[in-house]
All heavy atoms as atom14 arrays in JSON, in Angstrom:
{
  "sequence": "YTPKADRVECCLECGEPMKNRGSHWWCPGCGSDLRTP",
  "atom14_mask": [
    [1, 1, 1, 1, 1, 1, 1, 1, 1, 1, 1, 1, 0, 0],
    [1, 1, 1, 1, 1, 1, 1, 0, 0, 0, 0, 0, 0, 0],
    [1, 1, 1, 1, 1, 1, 1, 0, 0, 0, 0, 0, 0, 0],
    [1, 1, 1, 1, 1, 1, 1, 1, 1, 0, 0, 0, 0, 0],
    [1, 1, 1, 1, 1, 0, 0, 0, 0, 0, 0, 0, 0, 0],
    [1, 1, 1, 1, 1, 1, 1, 1, 0, 0, 0, 0, 0, 0],
    [1, 1, 1, 1, 1, 1, 1, 1, 1, 1, 1, 0, 0, 0],
    [1, 1, 1, 1, 1, 1, 1, 0, 0, 0, 0, 0, 0, 0],
    [1, 1, 1, 1, 1, 1, 1, 1, 1, 0, 0, 0, 0, 0],
    [1, 1, 1, 1, 1, 1, 0, 0, 0, 0, 0, 0, 0, 0],
    [1, 1, 1, 1, 1, 1, 0, 0, 0, 0, 0, 0, 0, 0],
    [1, 1, 1, 1, 1, 1, 1, 1, 0, 0, 0, 0, 0, 0],
    [1, 1, 1, 1, 1, 1, 1, 1, 1, 0, 0, 0, 0, 0],
    [1, 1, 1, 1, 1, 1, 0, 0, 0, 0, 0, 0, 0, 0],
    [1, 1, 1, 1, 0, 0, 0, 0, 0, 0, 0, 0, 0, 0],
    [1, 1, 1, 1, 1, 1, 1, 1, 1, 0, 0, 0, 0, 0],
    [1, 1, 1, 1, 1, 1, 1, 0, 0, 0, 0, 0, 0, 0],
    [1, 1, 1, 1, 1, 1, 1, 1, 0, 0, 0, 0, 0, 0],
    [1, 1, 1, 1, 1, 1, 1, 1, 1, 0, 0, 0, 0, 0],
    [1, 1, 1, 1, 1, 1, 1, 1, 0, 0, 0, 0, 0, 0],
    [1, 1, 1, 1, 1, 1, 1, 1, 1, 1, 1, 0, 0, 0],
    [1, 1, 1, 1, 0, 0, 0, 0, 0, 0, 0, 0, 0, 0],
    [1, 1, 1, 1, 1, 1, 0, 0, 0, 0, 0, 0, 0, 0],
    [1, 1, 1, 1, 1, 1, 1, 1, 1, 1, 0, 0, 0, 0],
    [1, 1, 1, 1, 1, 1, 1, 1, 1, 1, 1, 1, 1, 1],
    [1, 1, 1, 1, 1, 1, 1, 1, 1, 1, 1, 1, 1, 1],
    [1, 1, 1, 1, 1, 1, 0, 0, 0, 0, 0, 0, 0, 0],
    [1, 1, 1, 1, 1, 1, 1, 0, 0, 0, 0, 0, 0, 0],
    [1, 1, 1, 1, 0, 0, 0, 0, 0, 0, 0, 0, 0, 0],
    [1, 1, 1, 1, 1, 1, 0, 0, 0, 0, 0, 0, 0, 0],
    [1, 1, 1, 1, 0, 0, 0, 0, 0, 0, 0, 0, 0, 0],
    [1, 1, 1, 1, 1, 1, 0, 0, 0, 0, 0, 0, 0, 0],
    [1, 1, 1, 1, 1, 1, 1, 1, 0, 0, 0, 0, 0, 0],
    [1, 1, 1, 1, 1, 1, 1, 1, 0, 0, 0, 0, 0, 0],
    [1, 1, 1, 1, 1, 1, 1, 1, 1, 1, 1, 0, 0, 0],
    [1, 1, 1, 1, 1, 1, 1, 0, 0, 0, 0, 0, 0, 0],
    [1, 1, 1, 1, 1, 1, 1, 0, 0, 0, 0, 0, 0, 0]
  ],
  "atom14_positions": [
    [[-5.78, -7.37, -16.86], [-5.06, -6.13, -16.52], [-5.24, -5.81, -15.03], [-6.41, -5.81, -14.49], [-5.55, -4.93, -17.41], [-4.9, -3.71, -17.04], [-3.58, -3.44, -17.57], [-5.56, -2.76, -16.27], [-2.97, -2.12, -17.21], [-4.97, -1.63, -15.91], [-3.72, -1.34, -16.34], [-2.99, -0.09, -16.02], [0.0, 0.0, 0.0], [0.0, 0.0, 0.0]],
    [[-4.27, -5.41, -14.31], [-4.37, -5.07, -12.98], [-3.65, -3.7, -12.79], [-2.48, -3.44, -12.93], [-3.52, -5.96, -11.93], [-4.09, -7.34, -12.27], [-3.82, -5.59, -10.6], [0.0, 0.0, 0.0], [0.0, 0.0, 0.0], [0.0, 0.0, 0.0], [0.0, 0.0, 0.0], [0.0, 0.0, 0.0], [0.0, 0.0, 0.0], [0.0, 0.0, 0.0]],
    [[-4.43, -2.61, -12.64], [-3.98, -1.21, -12.42], [-3.16, -1.09, -11.19], [-3.3, -2.02, -10.25], [-5.23, -0.36, -12.34], [-6.3, -1.18, -11.87], [-6.07, -2.58, -12.37], [0.0, 0.0, 0.0], [0.0, 0.0, 0.0], [0.0, 0.0, 0.0], [0.0, 0.0, 0.0], [0.0, 0.0, 0.0], [0.0, 0.0, 0.0], [0.0, 0.0, 0.0]],
    [[-2.38, 0.02, -11.18], [-1.44, 0.22, -9.99], [-2.32, 0.21, -8.71], [-1.81, -0.15, -7.65], [-0.61, 1.46, -10.21], [0.39, 1.66, -9.1], [1.27, 2.9, -9.46], [2.24, 3.11, -8.31], [2.94, 4.43, -8.51], [0.0, 0.0, 0.0], [0.0, 0.0, 0.0], [0.0, 0.0, 0.0], [0.0, 0.0, 0.0], [0.0, 0.0, 0.0]],
    [[-3.35, 0.83, -8.8], [-4.34, 0.9, -7.54], [-4.5, -0.4, -6.87], [-4.43, -0.43, -5.65], [-5.64, 1.61, -7.86], [0.0, 0.0, 0.0], [0.0, 0.0, 0.0], [0.0, 0.0, 0.0], [0.0, 0.0, 0.0], [0.0, 0.0, 0.0], [0.0, 0.0, 0.0], [0.0, 0.0, 0.0], [0.0, 0.0, 0.0], [0.0, 0.0, 0.0]],
    [[-4.79, -1.39, -7.7], [-5.09, -2.84, -7.06], [-3.81, -3.33, -6.44], [-3.87, -4.11, -5.6], [-5.61, -3.7, -8.1], [-7.15, -3.42, -8.18], [-7.58, -2.41, -7.68], [-7.73, -4.45, -8.95], [0.0, 0.0, 0.0], [0.0, 0.0, 0.0], [0.0, 0.0, 0.0], [0.0, 0.0, 0.0], [0.0, 0.0, 0.0], [0.0, 0.0, 0.0]],
    [[-2.71, -2.97, -6.95], [-1.39, -3.5, -6.49], [-0.95, -2.96, -5.1], [-0.17, -3.47, -4.42], [-0.26, -3.35, -7.48], [-0.59, -4.0, -8.85], [0.67, -4.11, -9.66], [1.19, -2.94, -10.17], [0.99, -2.31, -11.3], [0.03, -2.88, -12.02], [1.44, -1.04, -11.65], [0.0, 0.0, 0.0], [0.0, 0.0, 0.0], [0.0, 0.0, 0.0]],
    [[-1.55, -1.84, -4.84], [-1.14, -1.04, -3.6], [-2.23, -1.02, -2.56], [-1.97, -0.69, -1.43], [-0.55, 0.27, -3.84], [0.73, 0.11, -4.63], [-1.47, 1.18, -4.45], [0.0, 0.0, 0.0], [0.0, 0.0, 0.0], [0.0, 0.0, 0.0], [0.0, 0.0, 0.0], [0.0, 0.0, 0.0], [0.0, 0.0, 0.0], [0.0, 0.0, 0.0]],
    [[-3.41, -1.15, -2.99], [-4.55, -1.1, -2.01], [-4.52, -2.17, -0.93], [-5.12, -1.99, 0.07], [-5.87, -1.08, -2.76], [-6.15, 0.23, -3.38], [-7.55, 0.31, -4.11], [-8.23, -0.78, -4.14], [-7.96, 1.4, -4.67], [0.0, 0.0, 0.0], [0.0, 0.0, 0.0], [0.0, 0.0, 0.0], [0.0, 0.0, 0.0], [0.0, 0.0, 0.0]],
    [[-3.91, -3.32, -1.27], [-3.72, -4.33, -0.21], [-2.26, -4.46, -0.02], [-1.54, -4.64, -0.96], [-4.46, -5.67, -0.64], [-6.2, -5.54, -0.64], [0.0, 0.0, 0.0], [0.0, 0.0, 0.0], [0.0, 0.0, 0.0], [0.0, 0.0, 0.0], [0.0, 0.0, 0.0], [0.0, 0.0, 0.0], [0.0, 0.0, 0.0], [0.0, 0.0, 0.0]],
    [[-1.81, -4.64, 1.14], [-0.39, -4.75, 1.48], [0.18, -6.07, 0.93], [-0.46, -7.12, 1.22], [-0.23, -4.64, 3.0], [1.54, -4.76, 3.51], [0.0, 0.0, 0.0], [0.0, 0.0, 0.0], [0.0, 0.0, 0.0], [0.0, 0.0, 0.0], [0.0, 0.0, 0.0], [0.0, 0.0, 0.0], [0.0, 0.0, 0.0], [0.0, 0.0, 0.0]],
    [[1.26, -5.98, 0.27], [1.87, -7.19, -0.22], [2.58, -7.97, 0.95], [2.99, -9.12, 0.77], [2.94, -6.91, -1.31], [2.33, -6.16, -2.62], [3.51, -5.8, -3.59], [1.39, -7.11, -3.34], [0.0, 0.0, 0.0], [0.0, 0.0, 0.0], [0.0, 0.0, 0.0], [0.0, 0.0, 0.0], [0.0, 0.0, 0.0], [0.0, 0.0, 0.0]],
    [[2.88, -7.4, 2.07], [3.56, -8.07, 3.14], [2.57, -8.85, 3.91], [2.87, -9.92, 4.42], [4.23, -7.01, 4.06], [5.3, -6.17, 3.22], [6.48, -6.91, 2.91], [6.77, -8.03, 3.49], [7.09, -6.64, 1.86], [0.0, 0.0, 0.0], [0.0, 0.0, 0.0], [0.0, 0.0, 0.0], [0.0, 0.0, 0.0], [0.0, 0.0, 0.0]],
    [[1.35, -8.26, 4.34], [0.48, -8.87, 5.21], [-0.92, -8.99, 4.73], [-1.8, -9.59, 5.39], [0.39, -8.08, 6.64], [-0.3, -6.46, 6.61], [0.0, 0.0, 0.0], [0.0, 0.0, 0.0], [0.0, 0.0, 0.0], [0.0, 0.0, 0.0], [0.0, 0.0, 0.0], [0.0, 0.0, 0.0], [0.0, 0.0, 0.0], [0.0, 0.0, 0.0]],
    [[-1.18, -8.27, 3.65], [-2.55, -8.45, 2.99], [-3.61, -7.5, 3.57], [-4.78, -7.51, 3.16], [0.0, 0.0, 0.0], [0.0, 0.0, 0.0], [0.0, 0.0, 0.0], [0.0, 0.0, 0.0], [0.0, 0.0, 0.0], [0.0, 0.0, 0.0], [0.0, 0.0, 0.0], [0.0, 0.0, 0.0], [0.0, 0.0, 0.0], [0.0, 0.0, 0.0]],
    [[-3.23, -6.7, 4.53], [-4.18, -5.71, 5.09], [-4.41, -4.65, 4.1], [-3.57, -4.27, 3.33], [-3.6, -5.08, 6.37], [-3.61, -6.03, 7.56], [-5.04, -6.32, 8.04], [-5.79, -5.46, 8.23], [-5.29, -7.62, 8.21], [0.0, 0.0, 0.0], [0.0, 0.0, 0.0], [0.0, 0.0, 0.0], [0.0, 0.0, 0.0], [0.0, 0.0, 0.0]],
    [[-5.7, -3.94, 4.23], [-5.9, -2.75, 3.28], [-4.96, -1.66, 3.59], [-4.76, -1.25, 4.78], [-7.32, -2.31, 3.64], [-7.98, -3.52, 4.26], [-6.83, -4.24, 5.02], [0.0, 0.0, 0.0], [0.0, 0.0, 0.0], [0.0, 0.0, 0.0], [0.0, 0.0, 0.0], [0.0, 0.0, 0.0], [0.0, 0.0, 0.0], [0.0, 0.0, 0.0]],
    [[-4.4, -1.01, 2.52], [-3.41, 0.11, 2.68], [-4.2, 1.39, 2.74], [-5.4, 1.55, 2.42], [-2.57, 0.17, 1.48], [-1.78, -1.03, 1.15], [-0.32, -1.24, 2.27], [0.85, -0.21, 1.46], [0.0, 0.0, 0.0], [0.0, 0.0, 0.0], [0.0, 0.0, 0.0], [0.0, 0.0, 0.0], [0.0, 0.0, 0.0], [0.0, 0.0, 0.0]],
    [[-3.52, 2.4, 3.37], [-4.11, 3.76, 3.43], [-3.49, 4.69, 2.51], [-2.12, 4.72, 2.4], [-3.92, 4.34, 4.97], [-4.75, 3.53, 6.04], [-6.14, 3.71, 5.92], [-6.9, 3.08, 7.14], [-8.27, 3.19, 7.02], [0.0, 0.0, 0.0], [0.0, 0.0, 0.0], [0.0, 0.0, 0.0], [0.0, 0.0, 0.0], [0.0, 0.0, 0.0]],
    [[-4.22, 5.44, 1.65], [-3.65, 6.39, 0.77], [-3.27, 7.69, 1.47], [-4.32, 8.4, 1.88], [-4.68, 6.56, -0.41], [-3.96, 7.42, -1.44], [-2.83, 7.99, -1.27], [-4.58, 7.5, -2.65], [0.0, 0.0, 0.0], [0.0, 0.0, 0.0], [0.0, 0.0, 0.0], [0.0, 0.0, 0.0], [0.0, 0.0, 0.0], [0.0, 0.0, 0.0]],
    [[-2.06, 7.99, 1.52], [-1.79, 9.25, 2.3], [-1.32, 10.34, 1.25], [-0.52, 11.26, 1.51], [-0.61, 9.11, 3.27], [-1.12, 8.26, 4.44], [-0.24, 8.29, 5.69], [-0.73, 7.73, 6.82], [-0.17, 7.58, 8.0], [1.1, 7.89, 8.11], [-0.76, 7.2, 9.05], [0.0, 0.0, 0.0], [0.0, 0.0, 0.0], [0.0, 0.0, 0.0]],
    [[-1.88, 10.29, 0.01], [-1.54, 11.34, -0.93], [-0.31, 11.09, -1.59], [-0.41, 10.72, -2.82], [0.0, 0.0, 0.0], [0.0, 0.0, 0.0], [0.0, 0.0, 0.0], [0.0, 0.0, 0.0], [0.0, 0.0, 0.0], [0.0, 0.0, 0.0], [0.0, 0.0, 0.0], [0.0, 0.0, 0.0], [0.0, 0.0, 0.0], [0.0, 0.0, 0.0]],
    [[0.86, 11.18, -1.06], [2.12, 10.92, -1.73], [2.57, 9.54, -1.54], [3.54, 9.13, -2.3], [3.28, 11.91, -0.99], [3.33, 11.52, 0.36], [0.0, 0.0, 0.0], [0.0, 0.0, 0.0], [0.0, 0.0, 0.0], [0.0, 0.0, 0.0], [0.0, 0.0, 0.0], [0.0, 0.0, 0.0], [0.0, 0.0, 0.0], [0.0, 0.0, 0.0]],
    [[1.97, 8.83, -0.84], [2.38, 7.33, -0.67], [1.23, 6.47, -0.06], [0.2, 6.99, 0.4], [3.59, 7.24, 0.19], [3.46, 7.7, 1.66], [3.26, 9.04, 2.0], [3.2, 6.92, 2.81], [3.0, 9.01, 3.24], [3.02, 7.85, 3.75], [0.0, 0.0, 0.0], [0.0, 0.0, 0.0], [0.0, 0.0, 0.0], [0.0, 0.0, 0.0]],
    [[1.38, 5.19, -0.04], [0.54, 4.29, 0.66], [1.1, 3.66, 1.79], [2.35, 3.26, 1.82], [0.16, 3.1, -0.36], [-0.69, 3.56, -1.55], [-0.23, 4.1, -2.66], [-2.09, 3.36, -1.63], [-1.26, 4.35, -3.56], [-2.48, 3.94, -3.02], [-3.11, 2.89, -0.87], [-3.73, 4.01, -3.41], [-4.44, 2.88, -1.27], [-4.82, 3.48, -2.6]],
    [[0.41, 3.59, 2.82], [0.93, 3.15, 4.23], [0.07, 1.98, 4.77], [-1.3, 2.07, 4.66], [1.04, 4.22, 5.11], [1.44, 3.86, 6.54], [2.62, 3.5, 6.93], [0.57, 3.78, 7.68], [2.67, 3.23, 8.29], [1.53, 3.33, 8.77], [-0.8, 3.87, 7.98], [0.86, 3.18, 10.12], [-1.3, 3.76, 9.17], [-0.48, 3.37, 10.25]],
    [[0.56, 0.99, 5.26], [-0.24, -0.12, 5.86], [-0.23, 0.03, 7.38], [0.81, -0.03, 8.03], [0.45, -1.5, 5.56], [-0.39, -2.89, 6.32], [0.0, 0.0, 0.0], [0.0, 0.0, 0.0], [0.0, 0.0, 0.0], [0.0, 0.0, 0.0], [0.0, 0.0, 0.0], [0.0, 0.0, 0.0], [0.0, 0.0, 0.0], [0.0, 0.0, 0.0]],
    [[-1.42, 0.14, 7.98], [-1.67, 0.23, 9.4], [-1.33, -1.07, 10.1], [-1.12, -1.17, 11.4], [-3.01, 0.74, 9.62], [-3.83, 0.3, 8.4], [-2.71, 0.3, 7.22], [0.0, 0.0, 0.0], [0.0, 0.0, 0.0], [0.0, 0.0, 0.0], [0.0, 0.0, 0.0], [0.0, 0.0, 0.0], [0.0, 0.0, 0.0], [0.0, 0.0, 0.0]],
    [[-1.41, -2.21, 9.32], [-1.24, -3.53, 9.97], [0.25, -3.81, 10.23], [0.58, -4.14, 11.41], [0.0, 0.0, 0.0], [0.0, 0.0, 0.0], [0.0, 0.0, 0.0], [0.0, 0.0, 0.0], [0.0, 0.0, 0.0], [0.0, 0.0, 0.0], [0.0, 0.0, 0.0], [0.0, 0.0, 0.0], [0.0, 0.0, 0.0], [0.0, 0.0, 0.0]],
    [[1.16, -3.76, 9.25], [2.57, -4.01, 9.54], [3.39, -2.87, 9.32], [4.64, -2.95, 9.46], [3.01, -5.12, 8.57], [2.99, -4.64, 6.8], [0.0, 0.0, 0.0], [0.0, 0.0, 0.0], [0.0, 0.0, 0.0], [0.0, 0.0, 0.0], [0.0, 0.0, 0.0], [0.0, 0.0, 0.0], [0.0, 0.0, 0.0], [0.0, 0.0, 0.0]],
    [[2.85, -1.68, 8.98], [3.77, -0.43, 8.82], [4.43, -0.31, 7.55], [5.25, 0.63, 7.27], [0.0, 0.0, 0.0], [0.0, 0.0, 0.0], [0.0, 0.0, 0.0], [0.0, 0.0, 0.0], [0.0, 0.0, 0.0], [0.0, 0.0, 0.0], [0.0, 0.0, 0.0], [0.0, 0.0, 0.0], [0.0, 0.0, 0.0], [0.0, 0.0, 0.0]],
    [[4.15, -1.22, 6.56], [4.8, -1.08, 5.25], [4.41, 0.25, 4.56], [3.21, 0.73, 4.62], [4.29, -2.18, 4.27], [4.8, -2.05, 3.05], [0.0, 0.0, 0.0], [0.0, 0.0, 0.0], [0.0, 0.0, 0.0], [0.0, 0.0, 0.0], [0.0, 0.0, 0.0], [0.0, 0.0, 0.0], [0.0, 0.0, 0.0], [0.0, 0.0, 0.0]],
    [[5.49, 0.95, 4.07], [5.32, 2.35, 3.6], [5.92, 2.41, 2.1], [6.94, 2.16, 2.02], [6.1, 3.32, 4.45], [5.75, 4.76, 4.22], [5.32, 5.07, 3.14], [6.11, 5.63, 5.09], [0.0, 0.0, 0.0], [0.0, 0.0, 0.0], [0.0, 0.0, 0.0], [0.0, 0.0, 0.0], [0.0, 0.0, 0.0], [0.0, 0.0, 0.0]],
    [[5.0, 2.52, 1.18], [5.31, 2.42, -0.19], [5.8, 3.77, -0.74], [5.17, 4.38, -1.63], [4.2, 1.82, -1.03], [3.77, 0.47, -0.68], [2.7, -0.06, -1.82], [4.82, -0.52, -0.68], [0.0, 0.0, 0.0], [0.0, 0.0, 0.0], [0.0, 0.0, 0.0], [0.0, 0.0, 0.0], [0.0, 0.0, 0.0], [0.0, 0.0, 0.0]],
    [[6.9, 4.18, -0.29], [7.6, 5.43, -0.76], [8.96, 4.78, -1.31], [9.64, 3.92, -0.71], [7.91, 6.32, 0.11], [6.57, 7.2, 0.58], [6.95, 8.22, 1.63], [7.29, 7.63, 2.94], [7.51, 8.39, 4.16], [7.38, 9.63, 4.06], [7.86, 7.82, 5.29], [0.0, 0.0, 0.0], [0.0, 0.0, 0.0], [0.0, 0.0, 0.0]],
    [[9.51, 5.49, -2.37], [10.75, 4.99, -2.85], [11.79, 6.09, -2.67], [11.77, 7.11, -3.38], [10.61, 4.64, -4.47], [9.6, 3.6, -4.47], [12.04, 4.09, -4.95], [0.0, 0.0, 0.0], [0.0, 0.0, 0.0], [0.0, 0.0, 0.0], [0.0, 0.0, 0.0], [0.0, 0.0, 0.0], [0.0, 0.0, 0.0], [0.0, 0.0, 0.0]],
    [[12.76, 5.96, -1.67], [13.76, 7.08, -1.53], [14.77, 7.01, -2.68], [14.82, 6.11, -3.57], [14.39, 6.69, -0.11], [14.11, 5.23, -0.08], [12.97, 4.83, -0.72], [0.0, 0.0, 0.0], [0.0, 0.0, 0.0], [0.0, 0.0, 0.0], [0.0, 0.0, 0.0], [0.0, 0.0, 0.0], [0.0, 0.0, 0.0], [0.0, 0.0, 0.0]]
  ]
}
């Protein structure tokens, strides 16, 4: 089982640790922003 936290804590694009900004996760490495418009 893999909770959602594990799926977003590392960037799927570059593998860098993601930053939790409350409403979304953001990757400081490549700029990937996990919001869904």
